[in-house]
N, C-alpha and C. Protein backbone atom coordinates (compact mmCIF):
# COMPACT_ATOMS: atom_id res chain seq x y z
N MET A 1 0.84 -1.19 0.00
CA MET A 1 0.00 0.00 0.00
C MET A 1 0.88 1.24 0.00
N GLY A 2 0.58 2.24 -0.88
CA GLY A 2 1.40 3.43 -0.98
C GLY A 2 1.26 4.33 0.22
N ALA A 3 2.27 5.21 0.38
CA ALA A 3 2.28 6.11 1.53
C ALA A 3 1.08 7.03 1.53
N ALA A 4 0.69 7.55 0.35
CA ALA A 4 -0.44 8.48 0.28
C ALA A 4 -1.73 7.79 0.69
N LEU A 5 -1.94 6.55 0.22
CA LEU A 5 -3.14 5.81 0.58
C LEU A 5 -3.14 5.47 2.05
N GLN A 6 -2.00 5.06 2.60
CA GLN A 6 -1.92 4.76 4.02
C GLN A 6 -2.23 6.00 4.84
N ARG A 7 -1.70 7.15 4.41
CA ARG A 7 -1.95 8.40 5.13
C ARG A 7 -3.44 8.72 5.12
N ARG A 8 -4.09 8.56 3.96
CA ARG A 8 -5.53 8.81 3.87
C ARG A 8 -6.29 7.86 4.78
N ASP A 9 -5.89 6.61 4.82
CA ASP A 9 -6.53 5.62 5.68
C ASP A 9 -6.37 6.00 7.15
N PHE A 10 -5.17 6.44 7.51
CA PHE A 10 -4.89 6.85 8.89
C PHE A 10 -5.74 8.05 9.26
N LEU A 11 -5.83 9.03 8.34
CA LEU A 11 -6.58 10.25 8.61
C LEU A 11 -8.06 9.98 8.76
N SER A 12 -8.61 9.07 7.96
CA SER A 12 -10.03 8.78 8.06
C SER A 12 -10.37 8.21 9.42
N GLY A 13 -9.47 7.39 9.98
CA GLY A 13 -9.68 6.88 11.33
C GLY A 13 -9.60 7.98 12.36
N SER A 14 -8.64 8.90 12.20
CA SER A 14 -8.48 10.01 13.14
C SER A 14 -9.69 10.91 13.11
N ALA A 15 -10.19 11.22 11.91
CA ALA A 15 -11.34 12.10 11.79
C ALA A 15 -12.57 11.47 12.42
N ALA A 16 -12.73 10.17 12.20
CA ALA A 16 -13.87 9.49 12.80
C ALA A 16 -13.77 9.47 14.31
N LEU A 17 -12.56 9.31 14.82
CA LEU A 17 -12.36 9.35 16.26
C LEU A 17 -12.76 10.70 16.81
N ALA A 18 -12.29 11.76 16.17
CA ALA A 18 -12.59 13.11 16.65
C ALA A 18 -14.08 13.37 16.65
N ALA A 19 -14.80 12.80 15.69
CA ALA A 19 -16.24 13.01 15.61
C ALA A 19 -17.03 12.01 16.44
N GLY A 20 -16.35 11.03 17.04
CA GLY A 20 -17.03 9.99 17.79
C GLY A 20 -17.79 9.03 16.90
N ALA A 21 -17.32 8.85 15.63
CA ALA A 21 -18.12 8.15 14.64
C ALA A 21 -17.79 6.68 14.51
N LEU A 22 -16.60 6.23 14.88
CA LEU A 22 -16.25 4.83 14.63
C LEU A 22 -16.93 3.88 15.60
N LEU A 23 -16.96 4.26 16.84
CA LEU A 23 -17.53 3.38 17.85
C LEU A 23 -18.37 4.20 18.82
N PRO A 24 -19.48 3.67 19.35
CA PRO A 24 -20.30 4.42 20.29
C PRO A 24 -19.72 4.35 21.69
N LEU A 25 -18.60 5.03 21.91
CA LEU A 25 -17.90 4.93 23.18
C LEU A 25 -18.13 6.14 24.07
N GLY A 26 -19.02 7.05 23.68
CA GLY A 26 -19.26 8.21 24.51
C GLY A 26 -18.12 9.17 24.44
N ALA A 27 -17.71 9.66 25.57
CA ALA A 27 -16.72 10.73 25.65
C ALA A 27 -15.32 10.24 25.61
N LEU A 28 -14.86 9.30 24.98
CA LEU A 28 -13.46 8.94 24.71
C LEU A 28 -12.50 9.29 25.83
N ALA A 29 -12.91 9.07 27.07
CA ALA A 29 -12.02 9.34 28.20
C ALA A 29 -10.96 8.26 28.27
N GLN A 30 -9.93 8.52 29.06
CA GLN A 30 -8.87 7.53 29.24
C GLN A 30 -9.48 6.21 29.70
N SER A 31 -9.10 5.13 29.06
CA SER A 31 -9.70 3.84 29.35
C SER A 31 -8.66 2.76 29.15
N SER A 32 -8.19 2.18 30.23
CA SER A 32 -7.06 1.26 30.15
C SER A 32 -7.36 0.08 29.25
N GLY A 33 -6.57 -0.04 28.20
CA GLY A 33 -6.66 -1.18 27.31
C GLY A 33 -7.82 -1.18 26.36
N ARG A 34 -8.67 -0.15 26.40
CA ARG A 34 -9.88 -0.15 25.59
C ARG A 34 -9.63 0.36 24.18
N ILE A 35 -10.39 -0.20 23.24
CA ILE A 35 -10.35 0.24 21.86
C ILE A 35 -11.08 1.57 21.74
N GLN A 36 -10.45 2.55 21.12
CA GLN A 36 -11.08 3.84 20.90
C GLN A 36 -11.59 3.99 19.47
N ALA A 37 -10.95 3.34 18.52
CA ALA A 37 -11.38 3.37 17.13
C ALA A 37 -10.93 2.08 16.46
N LEU A 38 -11.81 1.52 15.63
CA LEU A 38 -11.52 0.23 15.01
C LEU A 38 -12.17 0.16 13.65
N ARG A 39 -11.41 -0.31 12.67
CA ARG A 39 -11.97 -0.52 11.34
C ARG A 39 -11.26 -1.71 10.70
N GLY A 40 -12.01 -2.49 9.93
CA GLY A 40 -11.42 -3.62 9.23
C GLY A 40 -11.01 -4.73 10.19
N GLU A 41 -10.12 -5.59 9.72
CA GLU A 41 -9.71 -6.74 10.53
C GLU A 41 -8.46 -6.41 11.35
N VAL A 42 -8.62 -6.55 12.66
CA VAL A 42 -7.53 -6.35 13.62
C VAL A 42 -7.48 -7.59 14.50
N ARG A 43 -6.28 -8.09 14.75
CA ARG A 43 -6.11 -9.29 15.56
C ARG A 43 -5.25 -9.00 16.78
N VAL A 44 -5.58 -9.63 17.88
CA VAL A 44 -4.76 -9.60 19.08
C VAL A 44 -4.43 -11.04 19.44
N ASN A 45 -3.14 -11.33 19.50
CA ASN A 45 -2.66 -12.69 19.77
C ASN A 45 -3.26 -13.70 18.80
N GLY A 46 -3.40 -13.26 17.53
CA GLY A 46 -3.85 -14.14 16.47
C GLY A 46 -5.34 -14.25 16.28
N LYS A 47 -6.14 -13.62 17.15
CA LYS A 47 -7.60 -13.73 17.06
C LYS A 47 -8.21 -12.39 16.70
N ARG A 48 -9.16 -12.43 15.77
CA ARG A 48 -9.83 -11.19 15.37
C ARG A 48 -10.58 -10.60 16.56
N ILE A 49 -10.48 -9.27 16.71
CA ILE A 49 -11.13 -8.61 17.84
C ILE A 49 -12.25 -7.70 17.36
N GLY A 50 -13.13 -7.36 18.31
CA GLY A 50 -14.19 -6.39 18.08
C GLY A 50 -13.98 -5.17 18.96
N ALA A 51 -14.98 -4.31 18.96
CA ALA A 51 -14.87 -3.04 19.67
C ALA A 51 -14.76 -3.20 21.18
N ASP A 52 -15.18 -4.35 21.70
CA ASP A 52 -15.17 -4.55 23.15
C ASP A 52 -13.87 -5.17 23.65
N ALA A 53 -12.90 -5.36 22.80
CA ALA A 53 -11.64 -6.00 23.21
C ALA A 53 -10.86 -5.11 24.16
N VAL A 54 -10.03 -5.75 24.97
CA VAL A 54 -9.11 -5.05 25.87
C VAL A 54 -7.70 -5.48 25.51
N ILE A 55 -6.81 -4.51 25.33
CA ILE A 55 -5.42 -4.78 24.97
C ILE A 55 -4.54 -4.51 26.18
N ARG A 56 -3.65 -5.46 26.47
CA ARG A 56 -2.80 -5.39 27.66
C ARG A 56 -1.33 -5.53 27.27
N THR A 57 -0.46 -5.27 28.23
CA THR A 57 0.95 -5.55 28.02
C THR A 57 1.12 -7.04 27.73
N GLY A 58 2.09 -7.35 26.87
CA GLY A 58 2.32 -8.72 26.45
C GLY A 58 1.57 -9.13 25.21
N ASP A 59 0.61 -8.30 24.76
CA ASP A 59 -0.21 -8.66 23.60
C ASP A 59 0.51 -8.35 22.29
N LEU A 60 0.17 -9.13 21.26
CA LEU A 60 0.61 -8.88 19.89
C LEU A 60 -0.59 -8.36 19.11
N VAL A 61 -0.47 -7.15 18.57
CA VAL A 61 -1.56 -6.51 17.85
C VAL A 61 -1.20 -6.45 16.37
N GLN A 62 -2.11 -6.93 15.51
CA GLN A 62 -1.87 -6.95 14.07
C GLN A 62 -3.05 -6.31 13.35
N THR A 63 -2.76 -5.46 12.39
CA THR A 63 -3.79 -4.92 11.50
C THR A 63 -3.59 -5.54 10.13
N LEU A 64 -4.66 -6.07 9.56
CA LEU A 64 -4.56 -6.65 8.23
C LEU A 64 -4.67 -5.55 7.17
N ALA A 65 -4.80 -5.94 5.91
CA ALA A 65 -4.73 -4.97 4.81
C ALA A 65 -5.79 -3.88 4.91
N ASP A 66 -6.93 -4.19 5.53
CA ASP A 66 -8.00 -3.20 5.66
C ASP A 66 -8.12 -2.70 7.10
N GLY A 67 -7.16 -3.01 7.95
CA GLY A 67 -7.30 -2.76 9.38
C GLY A 67 -6.80 -1.40 9.83
N PHE A 68 -7.39 -0.93 10.91
CA PHE A 68 -6.97 0.31 11.57
C PHE A 68 -7.43 0.20 13.02
N VAL A 69 -6.58 0.60 13.96
CA VAL A 69 -6.99 0.57 15.36
C VAL A 69 -6.30 1.68 16.13
N LEU A 70 -7.05 2.26 17.05
CA LEU A 70 -6.51 3.20 18.02
C LEU A 70 -6.96 2.72 19.39
N PHE A 71 -6.00 2.59 20.31
CA PHE A 71 -6.35 2.10 21.64
C PHE A 71 -5.49 2.78 22.69
N ALA A 72 -6.01 2.81 23.91
CA ALA A 72 -5.30 3.40 25.04
C ALA A 72 -4.92 2.31 26.01
N VAL A 73 -3.71 2.43 26.56
CA VAL A 73 -3.25 1.53 27.62
C VAL A 73 -2.68 2.41 28.72
N GLY A 74 -3.41 2.53 29.82
CA GLY A 74 -2.98 3.44 30.87
C GLY A 74 -2.97 4.87 30.37
N SER A 75 -1.85 5.57 30.54
CA SER A 75 -1.73 6.96 30.11
C SER A 75 -1.15 7.10 28.71
N ASP A 76 -1.04 5.99 27.98
CA ASP A 76 -0.47 5.99 26.64
C ASP A 76 -1.54 5.63 25.61
N ALA A 77 -1.35 6.11 24.37
CA ALA A 77 -2.29 5.76 23.30
C ALA A 77 -1.51 5.43 22.04
N PHE A 78 -2.07 4.51 21.25
CA PHE A 78 -1.38 3.97 20.08
C PHE A 78 -2.35 3.86 18.90
N MET A 79 -1.84 4.10 17.71
CA MET A 79 -2.61 4.01 16.49
C MET A 79 -1.81 3.22 15.47
N LEU A 80 -2.40 2.18 14.92
CA LEU A 80 -1.73 1.33 13.94
C LEU A 80 -2.43 1.42 12.60
N ARG A 81 -1.64 1.64 11.56
CA ARG A 81 -2.15 1.62 10.20
C ARG A 81 -2.31 0.18 9.71
N ALA A 82 -2.89 0.07 8.52
CA ALA A 82 -3.05 -1.24 7.88
C ALA A 82 -1.70 -1.90 7.67
N GLY A 83 -1.68 -3.22 7.82
CA GLY A 83 -0.48 -3.99 7.57
C GLY A 83 0.62 -3.81 8.59
N SER A 84 0.23 -3.58 9.84
CA SER A 84 1.21 -3.34 10.91
C SER A 84 1.17 -4.44 11.95
N GLU A 85 2.27 -4.57 12.68
CA GLU A 85 2.37 -5.59 13.73
C GLU A 85 3.15 -5.00 14.90
N LEU A 86 2.52 -5.00 16.07
CA LEU A 86 3.08 -4.37 17.26
C LEU A 86 3.01 -5.33 18.43
N ARG A 87 4.12 -5.50 19.12
CA ARG A 87 4.18 -6.30 20.34
C ARG A 87 4.37 -5.38 21.53
N LEU A 88 3.46 -5.46 22.50
CA LEU A 88 3.63 -4.75 23.77
C LEU A 88 4.41 -5.65 24.71
N ALA A 89 5.49 -5.14 25.24
CA ALA A 89 6.34 -5.96 26.10
C ALA A 89 5.58 -6.43 27.33
N PRO A 90 5.80 -7.69 27.76
CA PRO A 90 5.20 -8.14 29.01
C PRO A 90 5.70 -7.29 30.17
N GLY A 91 4.84 -7.11 31.17
CA GLY A 91 5.25 -6.31 32.32
C GLY A 91 4.52 -6.75 33.57
N PRO A 92 4.92 -6.20 34.72
CA PRO A 92 4.30 -6.59 35.98
C PRO A 92 2.87 -6.08 36.12
N GLU A 93 2.51 -5.05 35.33
CA GLU A 93 1.15 -4.50 35.38
C GLU A 93 0.54 -4.56 33.99
N PRO A 94 -0.74 -4.95 33.88
CA PRO A 94 -1.33 -5.15 32.56
C PRO A 94 -1.54 -3.87 31.77
N PHE A 95 -1.61 -2.72 32.45
CA PHE A 95 -1.91 -1.47 31.76
C PHE A 95 -0.84 -0.40 31.99
N PHE A 96 0.40 -0.84 32.19
CA PHE A 96 1.53 0.08 32.30
C PHE A 96 2.59 -0.37 31.31
N VAL A 97 2.72 0.37 30.22
CA VAL A 97 3.59 -0.03 29.11
C VAL A 97 5.04 0.30 29.44
N THR A 98 5.91 -0.69 29.27
CA THR A 98 7.35 -0.47 29.47
C THR A 98 8.14 -0.61 28.18
N GLY A 99 7.56 -1.26 27.18
CA GLY A 99 8.29 -1.44 25.93
C GLY A 99 7.37 -1.84 24.79
N LEU A 100 7.81 -1.52 23.57
CA LEU A 100 7.08 -1.85 22.35
C LEU A 100 8.06 -2.37 21.32
N ARG A 101 7.61 -3.32 20.53
CA ARG A 101 8.41 -3.77 19.39
C ARG A 101 7.55 -3.62 18.13
N VAL A 102 7.98 -2.74 17.25
CA VAL A 102 7.29 -2.54 15.97
C VAL A 102 7.92 -3.48 14.96
N LEU A 103 7.23 -4.56 14.65
CA LEU A 103 7.78 -5.58 13.77
C LEU A 103 7.68 -5.17 12.31
N THR A 104 6.57 -4.52 11.97
CA THR A 104 6.38 -4.01 10.62
C THR A 104 5.27 -2.98 10.64
N GLY A 105 5.27 -2.10 9.65
CA GLY A 105 4.18 -1.15 9.51
C GLY A 105 4.40 0.16 10.23
N ALA A 106 3.28 0.87 10.49
CA ALA A 106 3.33 2.25 10.97
C ALA A 106 2.59 2.39 12.30
N LEU A 107 3.24 3.09 13.23
CA LEU A 107 2.72 3.31 14.57
C LEU A 107 2.78 4.79 14.90
N GLY A 108 1.67 5.33 15.38
CA GLY A 108 1.67 6.63 16.04
C GLY A 108 1.45 6.40 17.52
N ALA A 109 2.17 7.13 18.38
CA ALA A 109 2.09 6.86 19.81
C ALA A 109 2.32 8.13 20.62
N VAL A 110 1.59 8.23 21.73
CA VAL A 110 1.84 9.29 22.71
C VAL A 110 1.94 8.64 24.08
N PHE A 111 2.77 9.22 24.94
CA PHE A 111 3.08 8.61 26.23
C PHE A 111 2.89 9.61 27.35
N GLY A 112 2.27 9.15 28.45
CA GLY A 112 2.18 9.97 29.64
C GLY A 112 3.53 10.04 30.34
N ARG A 113 3.70 11.05 31.16
CA ARG A 113 4.96 11.22 31.88
C ARG A 113 5.10 10.15 32.95
N ARG A 114 6.32 9.68 33.12
CA ARG A 114 6.62 8.66 34.11
C ARG A 114 7.57 9.21 35.16
N ALA A 115 7.38 8.76 36.39
CA ALA A 115 8.25 9.21 37.47
C ALA A 115 9.67 8.71 37.25
N GLN A 116 9.79 7.53 36.70
CA GLN A 116 11.11 6.97 36.42
C GLN A 116 11.00 5.92 35.33
N GLY A 117 12.12 5.71 34.65
CA GLY A 117 12.17 4.69 33.61
C GLY A 117 11.60 5.17 32.29
N ASP A 118 12.19 4.70 31.21
CA ASP A 118 11.74 5.04 29.87
C ASP A 118 10.95 3.89 29.27
N VAL A 119 10.12 4.21 28.29
CA VAL A 119 9.53 3.19 27.43
C VAL A 119 10.50 2.93 26.29
N ARG A 120 10.80 1.68 26.04
CA ARG A 120 11.71 1.34 24.95
C ARG A 120 10.89 0.93 23.74
N ILE A 121 11.19 1.56 22.59
CA ILE A 121 10.62 1.16 21.31
C ILE A 121 11.73 0.54 20.48
N VAL A 122 11.47 -0.67 19.98
CA VAL A 122 12.44 -1.39 19.16
C VAL A 122 11.81 -1.70 17.81
N THR A 123 12.55 -1.41 16.74
CA THR A 123 12.19 -1.84 15.39
C THR A 123 13.36 -2.67 14.86
N PRO A 124 13.27 -3.20 13.65
CA PRO A 124 14.42 -3.96 13.14
C PRO A 124 15.72 -3.16 13.04
N THR A 125 15.65 -1.81 13.01
CA THR A 125 16.88 -1.04 12.79
C THR A 125 17.18 0.01 13.85
N VAL A 126 16.31 0.24 14.82
CA VAL A 126 16.56 1.28 15.82
C VAL A 126 15.97 0.88 17.16
N THR A 127 16.62 1.34 18.23
CA THR A 127 16.10 1.20 19.59
C THR A 127 16.03 2.60 20.18
N ALA A 128 14.87 2.95 20.77
CA ALA A 128 14.65 4.31 21.27
C ALA A 128 14.15 4.26 22.70
N GLY A 129 14.56 5.26 23.49
CA GLY A 129 14.08 5.43 24.85
C GLY A 129 13.19 6.65 24.93
N ILE A 130 11.97 6.47 25.46
CA ILE A 130 10.94 7.50 25.39
C ILE A 130 10.35 7.74 26.77
N ARG A 131 10.07 9.01 27.05
CA ARG A 131 9.38 9.35 28.30
C ARG A 131 8.53 10.60 28.07
N GLY A 132 7.21 10.45 28.14
CA GLY A 132 6.31 11.60 28.06
C GLY A 132 6.39 12.35 26.75
N THR A 133 6.38 11.65 25.62
CA THR A 133 6.53 12.29 24.33
C THR A 133 5.52 11.74 23.33
N GLY A 134 5.57 12.27 22.10
CA GLY A 134 4.80 11.75 21.00
C GLY A 134 5.72 11.39 19.86
N CYS A 135 5.42 10.31 19.14
CA CYS A 135 6.29 9.90 18.04
C CYS A 135 5.49 9.19 16.96
N TYR A 136 6.13 9.11 15.79
CA TYR A 136 5.58 8.37 14.66
C TYR A 136 6.70 7.49 14.10
N VAL A 137 6.40 6.21 13.89
CA VAL A 137 7.41 5.23 13.50
C VAL A 137 6.90 4.41 12.32
N GLU A 138 7.72 4.26 11.29
CA GLU A 138 7.43 3.34 10.19
C GLU A 138 8.58 2.35 10.05
N ALA A 139 8.29 1.08 10.26
CA ALA A 139 9.28 0.02 10.03
C ALA A 139 9.16 -0.44 8.59
N ARG A 140 10.16 -0.10 7.77
CA ARG A 140 10.16 -0.41 6.35
C ARG A 140 11.07 -1.60 6.07
N HIS A 141 11.17 -2.02 4.81
CA HIS A 141 11.89 -3.26 4.53
C HIS A 141 13.39 -3.13 4.77
N ASP A 142 13.96 -1.92 4.63
CA ASP A 142 15.40 -1.76 4.83
C ASP A 142 15.76 -0.59 5.73
N SER A 143 14.77 -0.02 6.40
CA SER A 143 15.03 1.14 7.24
C SER A 143 13.85 1.38 8.17
N THR A 144 14.03 2.30 9.11
CA THR A 144 12.95 2.78 9.96
C THR A 144 12.91 4.29 9.88
N TYR A 145 11.73 4.82 9.64
CA TYR A 145 11.51 6.27 9.73
C TYR A 145 11.02 6.55 11.15
N PHE A 146 11.67 7.49 11.83
CA PHE A 146 11.34 7.76 13.24
C PHE A 146 11.27 9.27 13.43
N CYS A 147 10.07 9.77 13.74
CA CYS A 147 9.88 11.19 14.00
C CYS A 147 9.57 11.41 15.47
N THR A 148 10.40 12.21 16.14
CA THR A 148 10.09 12.69 17.48
C THR A 148 9.15 13.88 17.28
N CYS A 149 7.87 13.65 17.41
CA CYS A 149 6.90 14.70 17.10
C CYS A 149 6.95 15.83 18.12
N TYR A 150 7.21 15.49 19.37
CA TYR A 150 7.48 16.48 20.42
C TYR A 150 8.10 15.75 21.60
N GLY A 151 8.87 16.49 22.41
CA GLY A 151 9.56 15.89 23.54
C GLY A 151 10.98 15.49 23.17
N THR A 152 11.56 14.63 24.00
CA THR A 152 12.94 14.19 23.81
C THR A 152 12.99 12.67 23.70
N ILE A 153 13.67 12.18 22.67
CA ILE A 153 13.83 10.74 22.47
C ILE A 153 15.29 10.45 22.13
N ALA A 154 15.88 9.48 22.83
CA ALA A 154 17.24 9.02 22.54
C ALA A 154 17.16 7.76 21.69
N MET A 155 17.87 7.75 20.57
CA MET A 155 17.79 6.66 19.61
C MET A 155 19.17 6.14 19.25
N ALA A 156 19.26 4.83 19.01
CA ALA A 156 20.53 4.21 18.62
C ALA A 156 20.28 3.21 17.50
N SER A 157 21.22 3.16 16.57
CA SER A 157 21.17 2.18 15.49
C SER A 157 21.33 0.77 16.06
N ASN A 158 20.51 -0.16 15.61
CA ASN A 158 20.69 -1.56 16.02
C ASN A 158 21.91 -2.18 15.37
N ALA A 159 22.23 -1.76 14.15
CA ALA A 159 23.38 -2.32 13.44
C ALA A 159 24.70 -1.85 14.03
N ASN A 160 24.72 -0.62 14.54
CA ASN A 160 25.92 -0.06 15.16
C ASN A 160 25.48 0.80 16.35
N PRO A 161 25.33 0.19 17.54
CA PRO A 161 24.81 0.93 18.70
C PRO A 161 25.63 2.15 19.09
N ARG A 162 26.85 2.27 18.58
CA ARG A 162 27.65 3.46 18.87
C ARG A 162 27.14 4.68 18.10
N GLU A 163 26.36 4.43 17.07
CA GLU A 163 25.74 5.54 16.34
C GLU A 163 24.42 5.89 17.03
N ARG A 164 24.40 7.08 17.60
CA ARG A 164 23.25 7.50 18.40
C ARG A 164 22.85 8.92 18.04
N VAL A 165 21.60 9.23 18.31
CA VAL A 165 21.12 10.60 18.16
C VAL A 165 20.04 10.83 19.21
N THR A 166 20.03 12.02 19.80
CA THR A 166 18.97 12.43 20.72
C THR A 166 18.25 13.62 20.11
N ALA A 167 16.95 13.49 19.94
CA ALA A 167 16.14 14.56 19.35
C ALA A 167 15.27 15.19 20.42
N THR A 168 15.31 16.52 20.51
CA THR A 168 14.41 17.28 21.37
C THR A 168 13.64 18.23 20.46
N THR A 169 12.34 18.05 20.37
CA THR A 169 11.55 18.83 19.43
C THR A 169 10.24 19.28 20.07
N ARG A 170 9.62 20.24 19.42
CA ARG A 170 8.29 20.69 19.81
C ARG A 170 7.26 20.35 18.75
N HIS A 171 7.71 20.26 17.48
CA HIS A 171 6.73 20.13 16.40
C HIS A 171 7.35 19.44 15.19
N HIS A 172 7.64 18.14 15.31
CA HIS A 172 8.15 17.32 14.19
C HIS A 172 9.45 17.89 13.62
N ASP A 173 10.35 18.37 14.46
CA ASP A 173 11.49 19.14 13.98
C ASP A 173 12.69 18.30 13.53
N ALA A 174 12.76 17.03 13.90
CA ALA A 174 14.00 16.28 13.62
C ALA A 174 13.74 14.82 13.28
N PRO A 175 13.00 14.52 12.20
CA PRO A 175 12.84 13.11 11.81
C PRO A 175 14.17 12.49 11.41
N GLN A 176 14.26 11.17 11.59
CA GLN A 176 15.49 10.44 11.29
C GLN A 176 15.16 9.16 10.52
N LEU A 177 16.10 8.73 9.70
CA LEU A 177 16.05 7.41 9.08
C LEU A 177 17.16 6.54 9.65
N PHE A 178 16.82 5.31 10.00
CA PHE A 178 17.78 4.34 10.54
C PHE A 178 17.85 3.17 9.56
N TYR A 179 19.02 2.97 8.98
CA TYR A 179 19.19 2.00 7.90
C TYR A 179 19.69 0.65 8.42
N ALA A 180 19.33 -0.40 7.69
CA ALA A 180 19.85 -1.73 8.00
C ALA A 180 21.30 -1.87 7.56
N THR A 181 21.67 -1.19 6.49
CA THR A 181 23.05 -1.16 6.00
C THR A 181 23.47 0.30 5.83
N PRO A 182 24.74 0.60 5.99
CA PRO A 182 25.15 2.01 6.01
C PRO A 182 24.96 2.71 4.66
N ARG A 183 24.63 3.98 4.73
CA ARG A 183 24.54 4.85 3.55
C ARG A 183 25.56 5.97 3.73
N GLN A 184 26.48 6.07 2.81
CA GLN A 184 27.54 7.08 2.88
C GLN A 184 28.26 7.01 4.24
N GLY A 185 28.49 5.76 4.69
CA GLY A 185 29.26 5.54 5.90
C GLY A 185 28.51 5.65 7.20
N SER A 186 27.19 5.87 7.15
CA SER A 186 26.42 6.04 8.39
C SER A 186 25.13 5.24 8.33
N TYR A 187 24.69 4.78 9.50
CA TYR A 187 23.41 4.07 9.60
C TYR A 187 22.25 5.02 9.90
N ILE A 188 22.53 6.29 10.16
CA ILE A 188 21.51 7.26 10.54
C ILE A 188 21.59 8.46 9.61
N ALA A 189 20.43 8.96 9.19
CA ALA A 189 20.40 10.15 8.35
C ALA A 189 19.19 11.00 8.73
N ALA A 190 19.35 12.31 8.61
CA ALA A 190 18.22 13.22 8.81
C ALA A 190 17.19 13.00 7.70
N ALA A 191 15.92 13.20 8.04
CA ALA A 191 14.85 12.99 7.07
C ALA A 191 13.88 14.17 7.13
N ALA A 192 13.00 14.23 6.14
CA ALA A 192 11.94 15.23 6.13
C ALA A 192 10.72 14.67 6.87
N MET A 193 9.86 15.56 7.32
CA MET A 193 8.60 15.11 7.90
C MET A 193 7.72 14.56 6.77
N GLU A 194 7.17 13.36 6.96
CA GLU A 194 6.36 12.74 5.92
C GLU A 194 5.37 11.75 6.50
N THR A 195 4.32 11.50 5.75
CA THR A 195 3.31 10.46 5.99
C THR A 195 2.64 10.51 7.36
N HIS A 196 2.69 11.64 8.05
CA HIS A 196 1.91 11.81 9.27
C HIS A 196 1.74 13.31 9.52
N GLY A 197 0.89 13.65 10.48
CA GLY A 197 0.63 15.06 10.73
C GLY A 197 0.04 15.31 12.10
N ASP A 198 -0.29 16.58 12.34
CA ASP A 198 -0.78 16.98 13.65
C ASP A 198 -2.08 16.28 14.02
N ASP A 199 -2.93 16.02 13.04
CA ASP A 199 -4.24 15.46 13.35
C ASP A 199 -4.14 14.10 14.02
N GLU A 200 -3.18 13.27 13.60
CA GLU A 200 -3.00 11.98 14.27
C GLU A 200 -2.60 12.14 15.73
N LEU A 201 -1.65 13.05 15.97
CA LEU A 201 -1.19 13.25 17.35
C LEU A 201 -2.29 13.84 18.22
N GLU A 202 -3.08 14.73 17.65
CA GLU A 202 -4.19 15.31 18.40
C GLU A 202 -5.23 14.26 18.75
N ALA A 203 -5.51 13.35 17.81
CA ALA A 203 -6.46 12.27 18.08
C ALA A 203 -5.94 11.33 19.17
N LEU A 204 -4.66 11.03 19.12
CA LEU A 204 -4.06 10.16 20.14
C LEU A 204 -4.12 10.80 21.52
N GLU A 205 -3.72 12.05 21.61
CA GLU A 205 -3.75 12.72 22.92
C GLU A 205 -5.18 12.84 23.43
N LYS A 206 -6.12 13.10 22.53
CA LYS A 206 -7.52 13.19 22.94
C LYS A 206 -8.00 11.88 23.57
N ALA A 207 -7.50 10.76 23.06
CA ALA A 207 -7.92 9.46 23.57
C ALA A 207 -7.54 9.25 25.03
N VAL A 208 -6.53 9.98 25.52
CA VAL A 208 -6.13 9.86 26.92
C VAL A 208 -6.30 11.19 27.66
N GLY A 209 -7.18 12.06 27.13
CA GLY A 209 -7.56 13.26 27.85
C GLY A 209 -6.52 14.36 27.89
N ARG A 210 -5.64 14.42 26.87
CA ARG A 210 -4.60 15.45 26.84
C ARG A 210 -4.63 16.18 25.51
N ARG A 211 -3.75 17.19 25.41
CA ARG A 211 -3.52 17.90 24.16
C ARG A 211 -2.03 17.93 23.86
N PRO A 212 -1.66 17.94 22.59
CA PRO A 212 -0.24 18.10 22.26
C PRO A 212 0.22 19.51 22.58
N PRO A 213 1.52 19.77 22.63
CA PRO A 213 2.02 21.06 23.12
C PRO A 213 1.64 22.24 22.24
N TRP A 214 1.31 22.02 20.96
CA TRP A 214 0.97 23.15 20.11
C TRP A 214 -0.49 23.57 20.23
N LYS A 215 -1.30 22.82 21.00
CA LYS A 215 -2.71 23.17 21.14
C LYS A 215 -2.93 24.13 22.32
């Protein structure tokens, strides 16, 4: 699926969420593990889910070719485009996220502030430490696109962990590409903002009762 079509698909879910149109969930307040928006086929641990599903740490979430899902877990919210696969790391509490593994596809995410400890996001080519921020991640066949939409995120190449970058942004200011093989001697390169926007982040923050910093 092309980037433009995926973006349109993502936006249609966001717009429906903002209007309360996808699911009759009332006032979209913070709801641990609850689905906030759902379209098409989405699976958790290999089984197709409906609007009443609850997602917890340790779960594997997959969106098929027509799938879209937005869900909240504790103070964090996540949005998966079609053709994506996300593993929530097991943890001592079912609704307190400590880590994510993006196996394939596109993830938008916002995180509540934590007293201590970072959330770790791992893709095939990058490992990132996150605390109280918003980000957009695409795991591609030979690279990962990683945008720190706001806040501070420390990132390291999986192929060469000595190659690191820390981004502090307010408004999508420092997207990065992390390659599986080096390009011009480096595994990391600056990138342009692409295939996501403010509306996704606003929808995610709304799902957990917050606003992004530009609102």
